[in-house]
N, C-alpha and C. Protein backbone atom coordinates (compact mmCIF):
# COMPACT_ATOMS: atom_id res chain seq x y z
N UNK A 1 18.56 2.45 12.69
CA UNK A 1 19.32 3.66 12.35
C UNK A 1 18.81 4.17 11.00
N UNK A 2 18.58 5.49 10.92
CA UNK A 2 18.03 6.03 9.70
C UNK A 2 19.13 6.37 8.70
N UNK A 3 18.69 6.54 7.49
CA UNK A 3 19.64 6.82 6.41
C UNK A 3 20.05 8.31 6.46
N UNK A 4 21.28 8.59 5.95
CA UNK A 4 21.69 9.97 5.84
C UNK A 4 22.09 10.21 4.40
N UNK A 5 22.16 11.42 4.02
CA UNK A 5 22.61 11.78 2.65
C UNK A 5 24.12 11.99 2.63
N UNK A 6 24.69 11.97 1.47
CA UNK A 6 26.14 12.15 1.35
C UNK A 6 26.54 13.49 1.89
N UNK A 7 25.71 14.51 1.77
CA UNK A 7 26.05 15.85 2.27
C UNK A 7 26.15 15.79 3.82
N UNK A 8 25.41 14.94 4.47
CA UNK A 8 25.49 14.82 5.92
C UNK A 8 26.89 14.22 6.27
N UNK A 9 27.32 13.20 5.53
CA UNK A 9 28.63 12.60 5.74
C UNK A 9 29.73 13.55 5.55
N UNK A 10 29.63 14.40 4.49
CA UNK A 10 30.65 15.40 4.19
C UNK A 10 30.84 16.42 5.28
N UNK A 11 29.81 16.64 6.10
CA UNK A 11 29.96 17.64 7.20
C UNK A 11 30.85 17.16 8.32
N UNK A 12 31.06 15.84 8.45
CA UNK A 12 31.89 15.31 9.49
C UNK A 12 33.32 15.25 8.91
N UNK A 13 34.18 16.05 9.49
CA UNK A 13 35.60 16.18 8.98
C UNK A 13 36.50 15.19 9.75
N UNK A 14 36.76 14.07 9.12
CA UNK A 14 37.58 13.00 9.66
C UNK A 14 39.02 13.14 8.98
N UNK A 15 39.98 13.34 9.82
CA UNK A 15 41.38 13.48 9.32
C UNK A 15 42.30 12.49 9.95
N UNK A 16 43.43 12.27 9.35
CA UNK A 16 44.52 11.43 9.92
C UNK A 16 45.55 12.32 10.54
N UNK A 17 46.08 11.91 11.63
CA UNK A 17 47.17 12.61 12.32
C UNK A 17 48.10 11.61 12.99
N UNK A 18 49.29 12.09 13.31
CA UNK A 18 50.30 11.23 14.01
C UNK A 18 50.36 11.70 15.46
N UNK A 19 50.23 10.71 16.34
CA UNK A 19 50.38 10.99 17.80
C UNK A 19 51.85 11.38 18.13
N UNK A 20 52.05 12.55 18.62
CA UNK A 20 53.39 12.98 18.95
C UNK A 20 53.60 13.04 20.46
N UNK A 21 52.59 12.86 21.21
CA UNK A 21 52.70 12.75 22.71
C UNK A 21 51.54 12.02 23.30
N UNK A 22 51.82 11.28 24.32
CA UNK A 22 50.78 10.55 25.07
C UNK A 22 51.19 10.38 26.52
N UNK A 23 50.27 10.68 27.41
CA UNK A 23 50.56 10.59 28.82
C UNK A 23 49.26 10.30 29.54
N UNK A 24 49.32 9.64 30.74
CA UNK A 24 48.11 9.36 31.46
C UNK A 24 47.32 10.65 31.78
N UNK A 25 46.02 10.58 31.68
CA UNK A 25 45.18 11.71 32.08
C UNK A 25 44.79 11.42 33.54
N UNK A 26 45.63 11.89 34.47
CA UNK A 26 45.39 11.51 35.84
C UNK A 26 44.13 12.11 36.49
N UNK A 27 43.54 13.12 35.80
CA UNK A 27 42.36 13.74 36.31
C UNK A 27 41.10 13.26 35.72
N UNK A 28 41.18 12.33 34.75
CA UNK A 28 39.96 11.78 34.12
C UNK A 28 39.22 10.82 35.05
N UNK A 29 37.89 10.81 34.98
CA UNK A 29 37.11 9.89 35.86
C UNK A 29 37.34 8.44 35.50
N UNK A 30 37.49 8.16 34.19
CA UNK A 30 37.85 6.80 33.74
C UNK A 30 39.25 6.83 33.19
N UNK A 31 39.96 5.67 33.33
CA UNK A 31 41.35 5.71 32.81
C UNK A 31 41.49 6.13 31.36
N UNK A 32 42.36 7.09 31.12
CA UNK A 32 42.49 7.67 29.79
C UNK A 32 43.92 8.25 29.63
N UNK A 33 44.20 8.58 28.37
CA UNK A 33 45.49 9.24 28.08
C UNK A 33 45.18 10.61 27.45
N UNK A 34 46.06 11.58 27.67
CA UNK A 34 46.02 12.82 26.92
C UNK A 34 46.93 12.58 25.74
N UNK A 35 46.34 12.76 24.52
CA UNK A 35 47.06 12.54 23.31
C UNK A 35 47.32 13.93 22.66
N UNK A 36 48.48 14.13 22.14
CA UNK A 36 48.84 15.28 21.31
C UNK A 36 49.01 14.74 19.91
N UNK A 37 48.25 15.27 18.97
CA UNK A 37 48.21 14.68 17.64
C UNK A 37 48.52 15.76 16.62
N UNK A 38 49.44 15.47 15.71
CA UNK A 38 49.84 16.39 14.64
C UNK A 38 48.96 16.12 13.37
N UNK A 39 48.19 17.07 13.00
CA UNK A 39 47.29 16.94 11.80
C UNK A 39 47.90 17.70 10.64
N UNK A 40 49.14 18.05 10.66
CA UNK A 40 49.74 18.82 9.50
C UNK A 40 49.58 20.26 9.64
N UNK A 41 50.16 20.98 8.68
CA UNK A 41 50.16 22.46 8.74
C UNK A 41 48.81 23.17 8.67
N UNK A 42 47.89 22.56 7.96
CA UNK A 42 46.56 23.26 7.85
C UNK A 42 45.73 23.25 9.08
N UNK A 43 45.82 22.13 9.87
CA UNK A 43 45.05 21.91 11.04
C UNK A 43 45.87 22.19 12.35
N UNK A 44 47.14 21.69 12.28
CA UNK A 44 48.03 21.88 13.41
C UNK A 44 48.00 20.76 14.38
N UNK A 45 48.50 21.04 15.58
CA UNK A 45 48.61 20.05 16.65
C UNK A 45 47.44 20.29 17.57
N UNK A 46 46.78 19.15 17.88
CA UNK A 46 45.55 19.23 18.75
C UNK A 46 45.72 18.24 19.88
N UNK A 47 44.99 18.50 21.00
CA UNK A 47 44.96 17.59 22.13
C UNK A 47 43.60 17.01 22.34
N UNK A 48 43.62 15.79 22.87
CA UNK A 48 42.38 15.11 23.28
C UNK A 48 42.61 14.16 24.40
N UNK A 49 41.54 13.76 25.05
CA UNK A 49 41.60 12.69 26.07
C UNK A 49 40.94 11.50 25.46
N UNK A 50 41.59 10.30 25.58
CA UNK A 50 41.07 9.09 24.91
C UNK A 50 41.17 7.93 25.90
N UNK A 51 40.11 7.15 26.05
CA UNK A 51 40.11 5.96 26.92
C UNK A 51 40.72 4.80 26.18
N UNK A 52 42.00 4.75 26.06
CA UNK A 52 42.69 3.66 25.31
C UNK A 52 43.61 2.84 26.20
N UNK A 53 43.44 2.86 27.51
CA UNK A 53 44.41 2.24 28.39
C UNK A 53 44.40 0.74 28.40
N UNK A 54 43.35 0.11 27.89
CA UNK A 54 43.33 -1.36 27.92
C UNK A 54 44.28 -1.97 26.91
N UNK A 55 44.31 -1.46 25.68
CA UNK A 55 45.09 -2.03 24.63
C UNK A 55 46.40 -1.29 24.29
N UNK A 56 46.57 -0.09 24.85
CA UNK A 56 47.74 0.69 24.40
C UNK A 56 48.43 1.31 25.60
N UNK A 57 49.72 1.46 25.48
CA UNK A 57 50.55 2.22 26.41
C UNK A 57 50.90 3.55 25.78
N UNK A 58 51.27 4.57 26.55
CA UNK A 58 51.68 5.83 25.97
C UNK A 58 52.78 5.60 24.87
N UNK A 59 53.73 4.71 25.19
CA UNK A 59 54.89 4.50 24.26
C UNK A 59 54.36 3.87 22.98
N UNK A 60 53.40 3.03 23.00
CA UNK A 60 52.89 2.36 21.77
C UNK A 60 52.09 3.30 20.92
N UNK A 61 51.60 4.41 21.51
CA UNK A 61 50.79 5.34 20.79
C UNK A 61 51.64 6.42 20.01
N UNK A 62 52.70 6.84 20.61
CA UNK A 62 53.53 7.85 19.95
C UNK A 62 54.10 7.30 18.61
N UNK A 63 53.86 8.11 17.56
CA UNK A 63 54.27 7.68 16.24
C UNK A 63 53.19 7.05 15.45
N UNK A 64 52.14 6.64 16.10
CA UNK A 64 51.02 5.95 15.42
C UNK A 64 50.11 6.96 14.72
N UNK A 65 49.60 6.64 13.57
CA UNK A 65 48.64 7.47 12.93
C UNK A 65 47.25 7.05 13.33
N UNK A 66 46.39 8.05 13.63
CA UNK A 66 45.06 7.80 14.07
C UNK A 66 44.09 8.61 13.21
N UNK A 67 42.79 8.19 13.23
CA UNK A 67 41.77 8.97 12.63
C UNK A 67 40.97 9.68 13.70
N UNK A 68 40.58 10.93 13.34
CA UNK A 68 39.88 11.73 14.33
C UNK A 68 38.90 12.66 13.69
N UNK A 69 37.78 13.01 14.31
CA UNK A 69 36.90 14.05 13.93
C UNK A 69 37.51 15.36 14.39
N UNK A 70 37.79 16.27 13.51
CA UNK A 70 38.42 17.54 13.87
C UNK A 70 37.48 18.72 13.88
N UNK A 71 36.20 18.56 13.52
CA UNK A 71 35.32 19.75 13.48
C UNK A 71 34.19 19.74 14.54
N UNK A 72 34.32 18.89 15.57
CA UNK A 72 33.45 19.05 16.72
C UNK A 72 33.90 20.23 17.53
N UNK A 73 32.96 20.88 18.24
CA UNK A 73 33.43 21.98 19.10
C UNK A 73 34.28 21.37 20.23
N UNK A 74 35.21 22.15 20.75
CA UNK A 74 36.07 21.68 21.90
C UNK A 74 35.21 21.30 23.06
N UNK A 75 35.64 20.27 23.84
CA UNK A 75 34.90 19.79 24.99
C UNK A 75 35.79 19.74 26.21
N UNK A 76 35.33 20.29 27.30
CA UNK A 76 36.12 20.28 28.54
C UNK A 76 36.05 18.88 29.18
N UNK A 77 37.20 18.30 29.35
CA UNK A 77 37.29 16.96 30.07
C UNK A 77 38.22 17.14 31.23
N UNK A 78 37.64 17.36 32.41
CA UNK A 78 38.42 17.73 33.55
C UNK A 78 39.18 19.00 33.26
N UNK A 79 40.45 19.10 33.50
CA UNK A 79 41.18 20.30 33.23
C UNK A 79 41.59 20.51 31.78
N UNK A 80 41.35 19.45 30.93
CA UNK A 80 41.81 19.45 29.54
C UNK A 80 40.70 19.91 28.63
N UNK A 81 41.01 20.79 27.68
CA UNK A 81 40.04 21.14 26.64
C UNK A 81 40.35 20.21 25.49
N UNK A 82 39.51 19.22 25.28
CA UNK A 82 39.66 18.25 24.18
C UNK A 82 39.28 18.89 22.88
N UNK A 83 40.15 18.82 21.86
CA UNK A 83 39.93 19.53 20.65
C UNK A 83 39.45 18.64 19.49
N UNK A 84 39.73 17.34 19.57
CA UNK A 84 39.33 16.34 18.53
C UNK A 84 38.78 15.15 19.19
N UNK A 85 38.07 14.28 18.39
CA UNK A 85 37.64 12.97 18.82
C UNK A 85 38.33 11.88 18.03
N UNK A 86 39.27 11.15 18.73
CA UNK A 86 39.95 10.11 18.13
C UNK A 86 38.93 8.93 17.98
N UNK A 87 39.02 8.22 16.82
CA UNK A 87 38.01 7.21 16.54
C UNK A 87 38.50 5.80 16.81
N UNK A 88 37.56 4.93 17.29
CA UNK A 88 37.88 3.54 17.54
C UNK A 88 36.63 2.75 17.55
N UNK A 89 36.80 1.44 17.65
CA UNK A 89 35.66 0.50 17.78
C UNK A 89 35.83 -0.28 19.11
N UNK A 90 34.74 -0.65 19.68
CA UNK A 90 34.80 -1.50 20.91
C UNK A 90 35.19 -2.94 20.62
N UNK A 91 36.04 -3.55 21.44
CA UNK A 91 36.30 -4.94 21.27
C UNK A 91 35.20 -5.72 21.94
N UNK A 92 35.31 -7.05 22.11
CA UNK A 92 34.22 -7.86 22.68
C UNK A 92 33.86 -7.43 24.12
N UNK A 93 34.84 -6.86 24.86
CA UNK A 93 34.58 -6.43 26.21
C UNK A 93 34.33 -4.98 26.30
N UNK A 94 34.30 -4.23 25.22
CA UNK A 94 33.99 -2.83 25.21
C UNK A 94 35.19 -1.90 25.25
N UNK A 95 36.37 -2.36 25.32
CA UNK A 95 37.58 -1.56 25.32
C UNK A 95 37.86 -1.05 23.85
N UNK A 96 38.37 0.18 23.78
CA UNK A 96 38.51 0.81 22.50
C UNK A 96 39.72 0.27 21.76
N UNK A 97 39.51 -0.04 20.43
CA UNK A 97 40.55 -0.40 19.46
C UNK A 97 40.57 0.70 18.44
N UNK A 98 41.71 1.36 18.28
CA UNK A 98 41.80 2.54 17.37
C UNK A 98 41.55 2.20 15.93
N UNK A 99 40.95 3.16 15.24
CA UNK A 99 40.85 3.19 13.77
C UNK A 99 42.12 3.78 13.24
N UNK A 100 42.79 3.18 12.32
CA UNK A 100 44.06 3.70 11.77
C UNK A 100 44.20 3.41 10.30
N UNK A 101 45.36 3.65 9.79
CA UNK A 101 45.65 3.43 8.38
C UNK A 101 46.68 2.27 8.32
N UNK A 102 46.67 1.52 7.25
CA UNK A 102 47.61 0.39 7.21
C UNK A 102 48.87 0.76 6.44
N UNK A 103 48.97 1.96 5.88
CA UNK A 103 50.18 2.48 5.25
C UNK A 103 50.27 3.92 5.66
N UNK A 104 51.50 4.49 5.78
CA UNK A 104 51.65 5.93 6.14
C UNK A 104 51.01 6.82 5.08
N UNK A 105 50.35 7.85 5.61
CA UNK A 105 49.75 8.81 4.73
C UNK A 105 50.08 10.23 5.33
N UNK A 106 50.00 11.28 4.48
CA UNK A 106 50.32 12.59 5.04
C UNK A 106 49.35 13.03 6.12
N UNK A 107 49.87 13.65 7.19
CA UNK A 107 49.04 14.15 8.26
C UNK A 107 48.04 15.18 7.70
N UNK A 108 46.85 15.14 8.19
CA UNK A 108 45.80 16.05 7.74
C UNK A 108 44.93 15.51 6.61
N UNK A 109 45.32 14.36 6.06
CA UNK A 109 44.53 13.78 5.00
C UNK A 109 43.08 13.54 5.46
N UNK A 110 42.10 13.86 4.53
CA UNK A 110 40.69 13.77 4.86
C UNK A 110 40.12 12.47 4.38
N UNK A 111 39.36 11.84 5.28
CA UNK A 111 38.66 10.63 4.91
C UNK A 111 37.54 10.93 3.92
N UNK A 112 37.48 10.14 2.87
CA UNK A 112 36.41 10.31 1.88
C UNK A 112 36.05 9.00 1.28
């Protein structure tokens, strides 16, 4: 993997938000949830589809703070227009484990 400059990193807008809604994405090709995430007043509430069904239930996601890229262009995923990319790492079997914060922070906070 090649090196990037700090300016390249700054172009990726990673923010924290709180999941305010989660439900199965019944039209996704792979098991996924539709997440509704509150990124605070400057960014607002955004929706995304996330393949998190191995480690999380919808109930366990609501109220959880997550990190997401908020400046990718929207992407059509089935009938849903995904507006952000929630971030996670694969576990040993490849299932997604969310990136989060270990203490509450204001919604919309930027990763730096």
